[in-house]
């Protein structure tokens, strides 16, 4: 179930843009969490690119769970 957008970074409910990305299947050894993200929503307030599954809290995910995943896996990810 898709819910209204809430940015897990700043809490805004306003979005600028939604991108649908086409790419090859991710390599199972790839540790980059972004490699399997196919939909990205840009927050109008903080301008961060948010994976749609977090911003729209797919599968009845709570905002707390979305924030936790955002911080632990996506927000500070740096390619090694």
N, C-alpha and C. Protein backbone atom coordinates (compact mmCIF):
# COMPACT_ATOMS: atom_id res chain seq x y z
N UNK A 1 0.84 -1.18 0.00
CA UNK A 1 0.00 0.00 0.00
C UNK A 1 0.89 1.25 0.00
N UNK A 2 0.59 2.16 -0.88
CA UNK A 2 1.34 3.42 -0.99
C UNK A 2 0.62 4.49 -0.19
N UNK A 3 1.39 5.25 0.58
CA UNK A 3 0.83 6.34 1.38
C UNK A 3 1.35 7.67 0.83
N UNK A 4 0.79 8.76 1.31
CA UNK A 4 1.24 10.09 0.89
C UNK A 4 2.71 10.28 1.27
N UNK A 5 3.42 11.06 0.46
CA UNK A 5 4.84 11.30 0.68
C UNK A 5 5.08 12.05 1.99
N UNK A 6 6.01 11.53 2.78
CA UNK A 6 6.57 12.23 3.94
C UNK A 6 8.08 12.00 3.86
N UNK A 7 8.83 13.07 3.80
CA UNK A 7 10.28 12.96 3.69
C UNK A 7 10.86 12.40 4.99
N UNK A 8 11.58 11.28 4.93
CA UNK A 8 12.18 10.74 6.15
C UNK A 8 13.39 11.55 6.62
N UNK A 9 13.84 12.49 5.80
CA UNK A 9 14.96 13.34 6.17
C UNK A 9 14.51 14.57 6.96
N UNK A 10 13.44 15.25 6.49
CA UNK A 10 13.03 16.51 7.13
C UNK A 10 11.57 16.55 7.58
N UNK A 11 10.76 15.56 7.17
CA UNK A 11 9.36 15.52 7.58
C UNK A 11 8.40 16.26 6.66
N UNK A 12 8.90 16.88 5.61
CA UNK A 12 8.05 17.61 4.67
C UNK A 12 7.10 16.65 3.94
N UNK A 13 5.94 17.17 3.55
CA UNK A 13 5.00 16.39 2.75
C UNK A 13 4.96 16.87 1.31
N UNK A 14 5.87 17.77 0.95
CA UNK A 14 5.91 18.33 -0.40
C UNK A 14 7.05 17.71 -1.20
N UNK A 15 6.74 17.28 -2.41
CA UNK A 15 7.78 16.73 -3.28
C UNK A 15 7.82 17.53 -4.58
N UNK A 16 8.99 17.57 -5.19
CA UNK A 16 9.19 18.28 -6.46
C UNK A 16 9.01 17.37 -7.65
N UNK A 17 9.59 16.20 -7.56
CA UNK A 17 9.83 15.41 -8.74
C UNK A 17 9.83 13.93 -8.37
N UNK A 18 9.35 13.09 -9.27
CA UNK A 18 9.48 11.65 -9.08
C UNK A 18 10.15 11.09 -10.31
N UNK A 19 11.21 10.34 -10.09
CA UNK A 19 11.97 9.75 -11.19
C UNK A 19 11.80 8.24 -11.19
N UNK A 20 11.63 7.70 -12.38
CA UNK A 20 11.59 6.25 -12.57
C UNK A 20 12.86 5.88 -13.30
N UNK A 21 13.63 4.99 -12.73
CA UNK A 21 14.95 4.68 -13.25
C UNK A 21 14.96 3.28 -13.83
N UNK A 22 15.57 3.17 -14.98
CA UNK A 22 15.73 1.88 -15.64
C UNK A 22 17.20 1.51 -15.57
N UNK A 23 17.49 0.34 -15.02
CA UNK A 23 18.88 -0.10 -14.96
C UNK A 23 18.95 -1.61 -14.96
N UNK A 24 20.13 -2.12 -15.17
CA UNK A 24 20.34 -3.56 -15.15
C UNK A 24 20.08 -4.11 -13.75
N UNK A 25 19.83 -5.39 -13.67
CA UNK A 25 19.64 -6.04 -12.37
C UNK A 25 20.89 -5.83 -11.52
N UNK A 26 20.71 -5.56 -10.22
CA UNK A 26 21.89 -5.31 -9.38
C UNK A 26 22.74 -6.57 -9.21
N UNK A 27 24.01 -6.36 -9.06
CA UNK A 27 24.96 -7.43 -8.77
C UNK A 27 24.71 -7.87 -7.32
N UNK A 28 24.52 -9.16 -7.06
CA UNK A 28 24.27 -9.62 -5.69
C UNK A 28 25.38 -9.24 -4.70
N UNK A 29 26.58 -9.01 -5.20
CA UNK A 29 27.70 -8.64 -4.32
C UNK A 29 27.76 -7.13 -4.05
N UNK A 30 26.94 -6.37 -4.74
CA UNK A 30 26.94 -4.91 -4.59
C UNK A 30 26.31 -4.53 -3.26
N UNK A 31 27.02 -3.79 -2.44
CA UNK A 31 26.51 -3.38 -1.13
C UNK A 31 25.86 -1.99 -1.15
N UNK A 32 25.83 -1.36 -2.31
CA UNK A 32 25.23 -0.04 -2.45
C UNK A 32 23.70 -0.17 -2.35
N UNK A 33 23.07 0.41 -1.31
CA UNK A 33 21.62 0.28 -1.18
C UNK A 33 20.86 0.95 -2.32
N UNK A 34 21.47 1.94 -2.98
CA UNK A 34 20.83 2.64 -4.09
C UNK A 34 20.76 1.80 -5.35
N UNK A 35 21.53 0.72 -5.44
CA UNK A 35 21.60 -0.06 -6.68
C UNK A 35 20.29 -0.73 -7.05
N UNK A 36 19.42 -0.96 -6.08
CA UNK A 36 18.13 -1.60 -6.38
C UNK A 36 16.96 -0.62 -6.36
N UNK A 37 17.22 0.67 -6.15
CA UNK A 37 16.16 1.68 -6.10
C UNK A 37 15.79 2.09 -7.53
N UNK A 38 14.52 1.92 -7.87
CA UNK A 38 14.05 2.25 -9.22
C UNK A 38 13.13 3.46 -9.26
N UNK A 39 12.69 3.94 -8.09
CA UNK A 39 11.85 5.14 -8.02
C UNK A 39 12.42 6.06 -6.96
N UNK A 40 12.62 7.32 -7.34
CA UNK A 40 13.20 8.31 -6.43
C UNK A 40 12.33 9.55 -6.43
N UNK A 41 12.04 10.06 -5.24
CA UNK A 41 11.24 11.28 -5.08
C UNK A 41 12.16 12.36 -4.50
N UNK A 42 12.13 13.55 -5.08
CA UNK A 42 12.93 14.66 -4.58
C UNK A 42 12.06 15.50 -3.64
N UNK A 43 12.54 15.70 -2.42
CA UNK A 43 11.82 16.50 -1.43
C UNK A 43 11.92 17.98 -1.80
N UNK A 44 10.80 18.67 -1.80
CA UNK A 44 10.77 20.09 -2.14
C UNK A 44 11.46 20.94 -1.08
N UNK A 45 11.45 20.51 0.17
CA UNK A 45 11.99 21.31 1.26
C UNK A 45 13.50 21.13 1.43
N UNK A 46 13.96 19.89 1.59
CA UNK A 46 15.40 19.67 1.85
C UNK A 46 16.18 19.29 0.58
N UNK A 47 15.45 19.07 -0.52
CA UNK A 47 16.05 18.76 -1.82
C UNK A 47 16.81 17.44 -1.87
N UNK A 48 16.59 16.57 -0.88
CA UNK A 48 17.23 15.25 -0.90
C UNK A 48 16.46 14.33 -1.82
N UNK A 49 17.17 13.42 -2.44
CA UNK A 49 16.56 12.39 -3.26
C UNK A 49 16.24 11.22 -2.34
N UNK A 50 14.96 10.86 -2.27
CA UNK A 50 14.47 9.85 -1.33
C UNK A 50 13.97 8.63 -2.11
N UNK A 51 14.39 7.43 -1.73
CA UNK A 51 13.80 6.24 -2.37
C UNK A 51 12.29 6.24 -2.13
N UNK A 52 11.52 6.00 -3.18
CA UNK A 52 10.06 6.07 -3.08
C UNK A 52 9.51 5.12 -2.03
N UNK A 53 10.14 3.95 -1.85
CA UNK A 53 9.61 3.00 -0.88
C UNK A 53 9.69 3.54 0.55
N UNK A 54 10.57 4.50 0.79
CA UNK A 54 10.66 5.13 2.11
C UNK A 54 9.76 6.36 2.20
N UNK A 55 9.81 7.21 1.18
CA UNK A 55 9.00 8.43 1.19
C UNK A 55 7.51 8.17 1.20
N UNK A 56 7.09 7.08 0.52
CA UNK A 56 5.67 6.72 0.47
C UNK A 56 5.33 5.59 1.44
N UNK A 57 6.34 5.11 2.15
CA UNK A 57 6.18 4.07 3.18
C UNK A 57 5.39 2.86 2.67
N UNK A 58 5.96 2.23 1.64
CA UNK A 58 5.33 1.05 1.05
C UNK A 58 5.17 -0.06 2.08
N UNK A 59 4.23 -0.95 1.84
CA UNK A 59 3.97 -2.12 2.70
C UNK A 59 3.65 -1.73 4.14
N UNK A 60 2.90 -0.64 4.30
CA UNK A 60 2.45 -0.17 5.62
C UNK A 60 3.60 0.13 6.58
N UNK A 61 4.73 0.53 6.05
CA UNK A 61 5.89 0.89 6.87
C UNK A 61 5.55 2.16 7.66
N UNK A 62 5.99 2.23 8.90
CA UNK A 62 5.77 3.44 9.70
C UNK A 62 6.80 4.50 9.32
N UNK A 63 6.50 5.76 9.63
CA UNK A 63 7.46 6.83 9.35
C UNK A 63 8.73 6.61 10.18
N UNK A 64 8.60 6.06 11.38
CA UNK A 64 9.77 5.79 12.21
C UNK A 64 10.68 4.76 11.55
N UNK A 65 10.09 3.69 10.99
CA UNK A 65 10.89 2.68 10.29
C UNK A 65 11.54 3.26 9.04
N UNK A 66 10.80 4.11 8.32
CA UNK A 66 11.35 4.74 7.11
C UNK A 66 12.53 5.65 7.48
N UNK A 67 12.40 6.42 8.55
CA UNK A 67 13.49 7.30 8.99
C UNK A 67 14.71 6.48 9.38
N UNK A 68 14.48 5.39 10.10
CA UNK A 68 15.58 4.54 10.54
C UNK A 68 16.33 3.97 9.34
N UNK A 69 15.60 3.42 8.37
CA UNK A 69 16.25 2.86 7.18
C UNK A 69 16.96 3.96 6.39
N UNK A 70 16.34 5.13 6.27
CA UNK A 70 16.94 6.26 5.56
C UNK A 70 18.31 6.60 6.17
N UNK A 71 18.34 6.75 7.49
CA UNK A 71 19.58 7.13 8.17
C UNK A 71 20.62 6.01 8.11
N UNK A 72 20.21 4.78 8.39
CA UNK A 72 21.16 3.68 8.47
C UNK A 72 21.69 3.23 7.11
N UNK A 73 20.88 3.33 6.06
CA UNK A 73 21.31 2.76 4.78
C UNK A 73 21.54 3.78 3.67
N UNK A 74 20.79 4.85 3.63
CA UNK A 74 20.82 5.72 2.46
C UNK A 74 21.45 7.10 2.68
N UNK A 75 21.10 7.77 3.76
CA UNK A 75 21.47 9.18 3.93
C UNK A 75 22.97 9.42 3.85
N UNK A 76 23.75 8.60 4.50
CA UNK A 76 25.19 8.83 4.57
C UNK A 76 25.99 7.87 3.70
N UNK A 77 25.32 7.16 2.79
CA UNK A 77 26.04 6.18 1.97
C UNK A 77 27.06 6.88 1.08
N UNK A 78 28.27 6.41 1.14
CA UNK A 78 29.35 6.90 0.27
C UNK A 78 29.92 5.71 -0.47
N UNK A 79 30.03 5.84 -1.77
CA UNK A 79 30.59 4.77 -2.58
C UNK A 79 32.05 4.56 -2.19
N UNK A 80 32.42 3.30 -1.98
CA UNK A 80 33.79 3.00 -1.54
C UNK A 80 34.67 2.66 -2.70
